[in-house]
Amino acid sequence: MILETTGNGPLGVAVRGAIQRLGEEARTVQADDADLFARAFDCRAIVAAAAPDLLDGRLTPSPSTDRMRAVVGAANAPGVRLVVLVVPASEAYAETELVLKRDGIPYVILRCAPLVEELAVATDFHVTRSVWLGRGRTIALSTAADLEAAVRQALAGESPQGDTLDVASAELDLAEAIQRAARAAGARTEVHATAPGVSSVLHKLSGWLGIAKPPALELYERLGSTGG
């Protein structure tokens, strides 16, 4: 039995997929469960996340050392031998990592870039017919499959305990990343990658015509302004 507190989004789906591939059962609880220690009884490992969503965790970091201390406390329950912590690839979570590192509990920390599947959800392509995005900005992007493989390896003992590892990712042009997200969503939205000057003119024209900014464009701009 493995306790996991990683939520219902693509992150949580990837974690539970890793547990299932190992032929084990997941005990799923909320990250803020008031009795995490009792929930951890008879579980051999805990998989926790430092943020509910790797994308939002990167864009708007909200680290919580208290939440991490609750996980550390739960790891003292009988049977728990390992904590696997998934953190957004951001220095904002350094203190959260330290809470785990200082306790002495066997652990593996997995730093992960935003998932393409998270972009697919955040862009809400079904309300957008087409969007024009300028080339030239980049973002590191992982997939649910990348994260699932990393979690499975950590739980299977294939990753050295006490290590902080980077989940596999690819450095992509931001416009291409949004295109991949559209494909992942199965959307019919046309995502056009063009020269930055062209896309800027088109966006200004849309604003003059009173056309609402598509969610995909809003996400593109947020990711571009934060460096992904």
C-alpha atoms as a PDB file:
ATOM      1  CA  MET A   1       0.000   0.000   0.000  1.00  0.00           C
ATOM      2  CA  ILE A   2       1.256   3.460  -0.917  1.00  0.00           C
ATOM      3  CA  LEU A   3      -0.241   6.676   0.454  1.00  0.00           C
ATOM      4  CA  GLU A   4      -0.501   9.495  -2.080  1.00  0.00           C
ATOM      5  CA  THR A   5      -1.719  13.061  -1.641  1.00  0.00           C
ATOM      6  CA  THR A   6      -1.232  14.410  -5.171  1.00  0.00           C
ATOM      7  CA  GLY A   7      -4.766  15.421  -6.163  1.00  0.00           C
ATOM      8  CA  ASN A   8      -7.030  14.737  -9.129  1.00  0.00           C
ATOM      9  CA  GLY A   9      -5.193  16.586 -11.887  1.00  0.00           C
ATOM     10  CA  PRO A  10      -2.628  15.241 -14.367  1.00  0.00           C
ATOM     11  CA  LEU A  11      -0.008  15.139 -11.598  1.00  0.00           C
ATOM     12  CA  GLY A  12      -2.120  12.821  -9.454  1.00  0.00           C
ATOM     13  CA  VAL A  13      -3.105  10.680 -12.432  1.00  0.00           C
ATOM     14  CA  ALA A  14       0.588  10.164 -13.256  1.00  0.00           C
ATOM     15  CA  VAL A  15       1.420   9.211  -9.662  1.00  0.00           C
ATOM     16  CA  ARG A  16      -1.410   6.694  -9.411  1.00  0.00           C
ATOM     17  CA  GLY A  17      -0.411   5.279 -12.787  1.00  0.00           C
ATOM     18  CA  ALA A  18       3.086   4.657 -11.424  1.00  0.00           C
ATOM     19  CA  ILE A  19       1.687   2.884  -8.368  1.00  0.00           C
ATOM     20  CA  GLN A  20      -0.579   0.708 -10.491  1.00  0.00           C
ATOM     21  CA  ARG A  21       2.284  -0.256 -12.802  1.00  0.00           C
ATOM     22  CA  LEU A  22       4.106  -1.560  -9.749  1.00  0.00           C
ATOM     23  CA  GLY A  23       1.099  -3.768  -8.997  1.00  0.00           C
ATOM     24  CA  GLU A  24       0.435  -1.970  -5.725  1.00  0.00           C
ATOM     25  CA  GLU A  25      -2.596  -0.238  -4.274  1.00  0.00           C
ATOM     26  CA  ALA A  26      -2.852   3.509  -3.763  1.00  0.00           C
ATOM     27  CA  ARG A  27      -4.460   5.006  -0.675  1.00  0.00           C
ATOM     28  CA  THR A  28      -5.532   8.453  -1.882  1.00  0.00           C
ATOM     29  CA  VAL A  29      -6.123  11.228   0.652  1.00  0.00           C
ATOM     30  CA  GLN A  30      -6.286  15.005   0.575  1.00  0.00           C
ATOM     31  CA  ALA A  31      -3.010  16.817   1.158  1.00  0.00           C
ATOM     32  CA  ASP A  32      -4.599  18.780   4.025  1.00  0.00           C
ATOM     33  CA  ASP A  33      -6.079  15.706   5.749  1.00  0.00           C
ATOM     34  CA  ALA A  34      -6.052  16.456   9.470  1.00  0.00           C
ATOM     35  CA  ASP A  35      -4.988  12.907  10.374  1.00  0.00           C
ATOM     36  CA  LEU A  36      -2.368  12.120   7.781  1.00  0.00           C
ATOM     37  CA  PHE A  37      -0.406  10.070  10.334  1.00  0.00           C
ATOM     38  CA  ALA A  38      -3.276   7.608  10.810  1.00  0.00           C
ATOM     39  CA  ARG A  39      -3.845   7.413   7.045  1.00  0.00           C
ATOM     40  CA  ALA A  40      -0.214   6.375   6.604  1.00  0.00           C
ATOM     41  CA  PHE A  41      -0.476   3.286   8.826  1.00  0.00           C
ATOM     42  CA  ASP A  42       0.601   0.107   6.983  1.00  0.00           C
ATOM     43  CA  CYS A  43       1.725   2.083   3.914  1.00  0.00           C
ATOM     44  CA  ARG A  44       5.291   1.358   2.818  1.00  0.00           C
ATOM     45  CA  ALA A  45       5.741   4.752   1.150  1.00  0.00           C
ATOM     46  CA  ILE A  46       4.214   8.204   0.801  1.00  0.00           C
ATOM     47  CA  VAL A  47       4.083  10.156  -2.457  1.00  0.00           C
ATOM     48  CA  ALA A  48       3.369  13.840  -1.853  1.00  0.00           C
ATOM     49  CA  ALA A  49       3.438  16.989  -3.959  1.00  0.00           C
ATOM     50  CA  ALA A  50       4.693  20.410  -2.895  1.00  0.00           C
ATOM     51  CA  ALA A  51       1.968  22.032  -5.034  1.00  0.00           C
ATOM     52  CA  PRO A  52      -1.419  20.776  -6.273  1.00  0.00           C
ATOM     53  CA  ASP A  53      -0.400  21.549  -9.846  1.00  0.00           C
ATOM     54  CA  LEU A  54       3.101  21.813 -11.322  1.00  0.00           C
ATOM     55  CA  LEU A  55       2.030  24.527 -13.746  1.00  0.00           C
ATOM     56  CA  ASP A  56       0.466  26.801 -11.124  1.00  0.00           C
ATOM     57  CA  GLY A  57       3.273  25.877  -8.751  1.00  0.00           C
ATOM     58  CA  ARG A  58       5.693  27.352 -11.257  1.00  0.00           C
ATOM     59  CA  LEU A  59       3.611  30.387 -12.247  1.00  0.00           C
ATOM     60  CA  THR A  60       2.338  31.338  -8.788  1.00  0.00           C
ATOM     61  CA  PRO A  61       4.465  29.500  -6.206  1.00  0.00           C
ATOM     62  CA  SER A  62       2.755  28.832  -2.885  1.00  0.00           C
ATOM     63  CA  PRO A  63       5.200  26.706  -0.889  1.00  0.00           C
ATOM     64  CA  SER A  64       4.054  25.488   2.517  1.00  0.00           C
ATOM     65  CA  THR A  65       6.536  24.200   5.064  1.00  0.00           C
ATOM     66  CA  ASP A  66       3.613  23.335   7.355  1.00  0.00           C
ATOM     67  CA  ARG A  67       2.179  21.000   4.712  1.00  0.00           C
ATOM     68  CA  MET A  68       5.585  19.383   4.322  1.00  0.00           C
ATOM     69  CA  ARG A  69       5.942  18.956   8.083  1.00  0.00           C
ATOM     70  CA  ALA A  70       2.610  17.113   8.111  1.00  0.00           C
ATOM     71  CA  VAL A  71       3.993  14.688   5.503  1.00  0.00           C
ATOM     72  CA  VAL A  72       7.184  14.233   7.544  1.00  0.00           C
ATOM     73  CA  GLY A  73       5.066  13.504  10.598  1.00  0.00           C
ATOM     74  CA  ALA A  74       3.018  10.950   8.693  1.00  0.00           C
ATOM     75  CA  ALA A  75       6.229   9.270   7.545  1.00  0.00           C
ATOM     76  CA  ASN A  76       6.831   8.251  11.163  1.00  0.00           C
ATOM     77  CA  ALA A  77       3.796   5.960  11.032  1.00  0.00           C
ATOM     78  CA  PRO A  78       4.568   2.224  11.344  1.00  0.00           C
ATOM     79  CA  GLY A  79       5.498   0.689   7.994  1.00  0.00           C
ATOM     80  CA  VAL A  80       6.525   3.844   6.112  1.00  0.00           C
ATOM     81  CA  ARG A  81      10.028   3.466   4.674  1.00  0.00           C
ATOM     82  CA  LEU A  82      10.182   6.125   1.961  1.00  0.00           C
ATOM     83  CA  VAL A  83       8.839   9.558   1.004  1.00  0.00           C
ATOM     84  CA  VAL A  84       8.754  10.589  -2.656  1.00  0.00           C
ATOM     85  CA  LEU A  85       8.213  14.334  -3.003  1.00  0.00           C
ATOM     86  CA  VAL A  86       7.262  15.919  -6.331  1.00  0.00           C
ATOM     87  CA  VAL A  87       8.123  19.618  -6.495  1.00  0.00           C
ATOM     88  CA  PRO A  88       7.771  22.227  -9.249  1.00  0.00           C
ATOM     89  CA  ALA A  89      11.095  23.031 -10.892  1.00  0.00           C
ATOM     90  CA  SER A  90      11.405  26.320  -9.025  1.00  0.00           C
ATOM     91  CA  GLU A  91      13.776  27.644  -6.375  1.00  0.00           C
ATOM     92  CA  ALA A  92      10.701  28.881  -4.512  1.00  0.00           C
ATOM     93  CA  TYR A  93      10.342  25.389  -3.036  1.00  0.00           C
ATOM     94  CA  ALA A  94      13.853  25.149  -1.591  1.00  0.00           C
ATOM     95  CA  GLU A  95      12.618  25.555   2.006  1.00  0.00           C
ATOM     96  CA  THR A  96       9.958  22.897   1.451  1.00  0.00           C
ATOM     97  CA  GLU A  97      12.662  20.488   0.291  1.00  0.00           C
ATOM     98  CA  LEU A  98      14.802  21.317   3.320  1.00  0.00           C
ATOM     99  CA  VAL A  99      12.018  20.294   5.721  1.00  0.00           C
ATOM    100  CA  LEU A 100      12.202  16.796   4.273  1.00  0.00           C
ATOM    101  CA  LYS A 101      15.994  16.690   3.967  1.00  0.00           C
ATOM    102  CA  ARG A 102      16.576  17.717   7.586  1.00  0.00           C
ATOM    103  CA  ASP A 103      14.321  15.054   9.090  1.00  0.00           C
ATOM    104  CA  GLY A 104      16.433  12.036   8.187  1.00  0.00           C
ATOM    105  CA  ILE A 105      13.564  10.055   6.652  1.00  0.00           C
ATOM    106  CA  PRO A 106      14.598   8.138   3.504  1.00  0.00           C
ATOM    107  CA  TYR A 107      13.406  10.223   0.572  1.00  0.00           C
ATOM    108  CA  VAL A 108      13.619  10.931  -3.140  1.00  0.00           C
ATOM    109  CA  ILE A 109      12.815  14.432  -4.392  1.00  0.00           C
ATOM    110  CA  LEU A 110      11.630  14.759  -7.984  1.00  0.00           C
ATOM    111  CA  ARG A 111      11.788  18.231  -9.494  1.00  0.00           C
ATOM    112  CA  CYS A 112       9.400  18.423 -12.417  1.00  0.00           C
ATOM    113  CA  ALA A 113       8.635  21.004 -15.090  1.00  0.00           C
ATOM    114  CA  PRO A 114       4.972  21.769 -15.907  1.00  0.00           C
ATOM    115  CA  LEU A 115       3.202  18.900 -17.636  1.00  0.00           C
ATOM    116  CA  VAL A 116       1.913  19.295 -21.183  1.00  0.00           C
ATOM    117  CA  GLU A 117      -1.337  17.778 -19.905  1.00  0.00           C
ATOM    118  CA  GLU A 118      -1.636  20.619 -17.389  1.00  0.00           C
ATOM    119  CA  LEU A 119      -1.243  23.151 -20.183  1.00  0.00           C
ATOM    120  CA  ALA A 120      -3.986  21.331 -22.082  1.00  0.00           C
ATOM    121  CA  VAL A 121      -6.378  21.820 -19.158  1.00  0.00           C
ATOM    122  CA  ALA A 122      -5.374  25.423 -18.431  1.00  0.00           C
ATOM    123  CA  THR A 123      -5.761  26.665 -22.004  1.00  0.00           C
ATOM    124  CA  ASP A 124      -9.422  25.606 -22.326  1.00  0.00           C
ATOM    125  CA  PHE A 125      -9.075  25.174 -26.101  1.00  0.00           C
ATOM    126  CA  HIS A 126     -12.729  24.291 -26.556  1.00  0.00           C
ATOM    127  CA  VAL A 127     -13.677  27.968 -26.324  1.00  0.00           C
ATOM    128  CA  THR A 128     -11.092  29.040 -28.906  1.00  0.00           C
ATOM    129  CA  ARG A 129     -11.130  28.453 -32.666  1.00  0.00           C
ATOM    130  CA  SER A 130      -7.631  29.767 -33.381  1.00  0.00           C
ATOM    131  CA  VAL A 131      -4.769  31.607 -31.709  1.00  0.00           C
ATOM    132  CA  TRP A 132      -1.600  33.234 -33.064  1.00  0.00           C
ATOM    133  CA  LEU A 133       1.547  33.005 -30.944  1.00  0.00           C
ATOM    134  CA  GLY A 134       4.982  34.494 -31.546  1.00  0.00           C
ATOM    135  CA  ARG A 135       8.058  32.308 -31.711  1.00  0.00           C
ATOM    136  CA  GLY A 136      11.229  32.996 -29.746  1.00  0.00           C
ATOM    137  CA  ARG A 137      10.347  32.183 -26.123  1.00  0.00           C
ATOM    138  CA  THR A 138      11.165  28.808 -24.604  1.00  0.00           C
ATOM    139  CA  ILE A 139       9.855  26.620 -21.802  1.00  0.00           C
ATOM    140  CA  ALA A 140      10.918  23.353 -20.199  1.00  0.00           C
ATOM    141  CA  LEU A 141       8.017  20.923 -20.411  1.00  0.00           C
ATOM    142  CA  SER A 142       7.506  17.412 -19.070  1.00  0.00           C
ATOM    143  CA  THR A 143       4.738  14.909 -19.744  1.00  0.00           C
ATOM    144  CA  ALA A 144       2.610  12.771 -17.463  1.00  0.00           C
ATOM    145  CA  ALA A 145       4.484   9.750 -18.844  1.00  0.00           C
ATOM    146  CA  ASP A 146       7.825  11.327 -17.847  1.00  0.00           C
ATOM    147  CA  LEU A 147       6.598  11.918 -14.305  1.00  0.00           C
ATOM    148  CA  GLU A 148       4.995   8.484 -14.043  1.00  0.00           C
ATOM    149  CA  ALA A 149       8.290   6.820 -14.997  1.00  0.00           C
ATOM    150  CA  ALA A 150      10.256   8.869 -12.443  1.00  0.00           C
ATOM    151  CA  VAL A 151       7.807   8.093  -9.611  1.00  0.00           C
ATOM    152  CA  ARG A 152       7.768   4.390 -10.500  1.00  0.00           C
ATOM    153  CA  GLN A 153      11.564   4.238 -10.439  1.00  0.00           C
ATOM    154  CA  ALA A 154      11.699   6.001  -7.065  1.00  0.00           C
ATOM    155  CA  LEU A 155       9.110   3.678  -5.514  1.00  0.00           C
ATOM    156  CA  ALA A 156      10.801   0.612  -6.996  1.00  0.00           C
ATOM    157  CA  GLY A 157      14.103   1.545  -5.372  1.00  0.00           C
ATOM    158  CA  GLU A 158      15.790   2.313  -8.698  1.00  0.00           C
ATOM    159  CA  SER A 159      16.527   5.908  -7.650  1.00  0.00           C
ATOM    160  CA  PRO A 160      19.120   6.448  -4.873  1.00  0.00           C
ATOM    161  CA  GLN A 161      17.529   7.521  -1.608  1.00  0.00           C
ATOM    162  CA  GLY A 162      18.500  11.001  -0.503  1.00  0.00           C
ATOM    163  CA  ASP A 163      18.786  12.220  -4.093  1.00  0.00           C
ATOM    164  CA  THR A 164      17.132  15.193  -5.750  1.00  0.00           C
ATOM    165  CA  LEU A 165      16.422  14.291  -9.372  1.00  0.00           C
ATOM    166  CA  ASP A 166      15.142  16.205 -12.369  1.00  0.00           C
ATOM    167  CA  VAL A 167      12.246  14.549 -14.174  1.00  0.00           C
ATOM    168  CA  ALA A 168      12.881  14.260 -17.911  1.00  0.00           C
ATOM    169  CA  SER A 169      11.793  17.340 -19.835  1.00  0.00           C
ATOM    170  CA  ALA A 170      12.237  18.991 -23.214  1.00  0.00           C
ATOM    171  CA  GLU A 171      13.106  22.618 -23.909  1.00  0.00           C
ATOM    172  CA  LEU A 172      10.525  23.824 -26.416  1.00  0.00           C
ATOM    173  CA  ASP A 173       9.575  27.012 -28.127  1.00  0.00           C
ATOM    174  CA  LEU A 174       6.620  28.285 -26.112  1.00  0.00           C
ATOM    175  CA  ALA A 175       4.377  28.479 -29.177  1.00  0.00           C
ATOM    176  CA  GLU A 176       5.187  24.832 -29.963  1.00  0.00           C
ATOM    177  CA  ALA A 177       4.431  23.905 -26.349  1.00  0.00           C
ATOM    178  CA  ILE A 178       0.950  25.397 -26.685  1.00  0.00           C
ATOM    179  CA  GLN A 179       0.513  23.482 -29.952  1.00  0.00           C
ATOM    180  CA  ARG A 180       1.400  20.247 -28.162  1.00  0.00           C
ATOM    181  CA  ALA A 181      -1.072  21.090 -25.426  1.00  0.00           C
ATOM    182  CA  ALA A 182      -3.796  21.520 -28.038  1.00  0.00           C
ATOM    183  CA  ARG A 183      -3.022  18.082 -29.454  1.00  0.00           C
ATOM    184  CA  ALA A 184      -3.003  16.572 -25.962  1.00  0.00           C
ATOM    185  CA  ALA A 185      -6.445  18.093 -25.345  1.00  0.00           C
ATOM    186  CA  GLY A 186      -7.768  16.639 -28.600  1.00  0.00           C
ATOM    187  CA  ALA A 187      -8.884  20.146 -29.525  1.00  0.00           C
ATOM    188  CA  ARG A 188      -9.623  21.408 -33.009  1.00  0.00           C
ATOM    189  CA  THR A 189      -8.177  24.783 -32.145  1.00  0.00           C
ATOM    190  CA  GLU A 190      -5.635  26.007 -34.678  1.00  0.00           C
ATOM    191  CA  VAL A 191      -2.492  27.232 -32.921  1.00  0.00           C
ATOM    192  CA  HIS A 192      -0.326  29.241 -35.316  1.00  0.00           C
ATOM    193  CA  ALA A 193       3.342  29.957 -34.593  1.00  0.00           C
ATOM    194  CA  THR A 194       4.528  33.110 -36.293  1.00  0.00           C
ATOM    195  CA  ALA A 195       7.029  35.958 -36.008  1.00  0.00           C
ATOM    196  CA  PRO A 196       6.578  37.954 -32.763  1.00  0.00           C
ATOM    197  CA  GLY A 197       5.764  41.163 -34.651  1.00  0.00           C
ATOM    198  CA  VAL A 198       2.961  39.533 -36.609  1.00  0.00           C
ATOM    199  CA  SER A 199       1.329  37.997 -33.552  1.00  0.00           C
ATOM    200  CA  SER A 200       1.581  41.306 -31.682  1.00  0.00           C
ATOM    201  CA  VAL A 201      -0.266  43.147 -34.459  1.00  0.00           C
ATOM    202  CA  LEU A 202      -2.981  40.494 -34.566  1.00  0.00           C
ATOM    203  CA  HIS A 203      -3.479  40.656 -30.795  1.00  0.00           C
ATOM    204  CA  LYS A 204      -3.793  44.457 -30.886  1.00  0.00           C
ATOM    205  CA  LEU A 205      -6.294  44.194 -33.721  1.00  0.00           C
ATOM    206  CA  SER A 206      -8.358  41.704 -31.752  1.00  0.00           C
ATOM    207  CA  GLY A 207      -8.367  44.071 -28.789  1.00  0.00           C
ATOM    208  CA  TRP A 208      -9.570  46.963 -30.946  1.00  0.00           C
ATOM    209  CA  LEU A 209     -12.376  44.760 -32.268  1.00  0.00           C
ATOM    210  CA  GLY A 210     -13.417  43.858 -28.746  1.00  0.00           C
ATOM    211  CA  ILE A 211     -12.515  40.176 -29.122  1.00  0.00           C
ATOM    212  CA  ALA A 212     -11.823  38.526 -25.765  1.00  0.00           C
ATOM    213  CA  LYS A 213      -8.298  37.252 -25.212  1.00  0.00           C
ATOM    214  CA  PRO A 214      -8.244  33.433 -25.534  1.00  0.00           C
ATOM    215  CA  PRO A 215      -7.134  31.445 -22.457  1.00  0.00           C
ATOM    216  CA  ALA A 216      -4.292  29.959 -24.538  1.00  0.00           C
ATOM    217  CA  LEU A 217      -2.925  33.448 -25.208  1.00  0.00           C
ATOM    218  CA  GLU A 218      -3.228  34.459 -21.561  1.00  0.00           C
ATOM    219  CA  LEU A 219      -1.263  31.375 -20.516  1.00  0.00           C
ATOM    220  CA  TYR A 220       1.327  32.011 -23.234  1.00  0.00           C
ATOM    221  CA  GLU A 221       1.866  35.544 -21.950  1.00  0.00           C
ATOM    222  CA  ARG A 222       2.114  34.440 -18.307  1.00  0.00           C
ATOM    223  CA  LEU A 223       4.625  31.732 -19.124  1.00  0.00           C
ATOM    224  CA  GLY A 224       6.639  34.130 -21.277  1.00  0.00           C
ATOM    225  CA  SER A 225       6.763  36.796 -18.581  1.00  0.00           C
ATOM    226  CA  THR A 226       8.030  34.348 -15.939  1.00  0.00           C
ATOM    227  CA  GLY A 227      10.489  32.522 -18.163  1.00  0.00           C
ATOM    228  CA  GLY A 228       8.320  29.385 -18.004  1.00  0.00           C
END
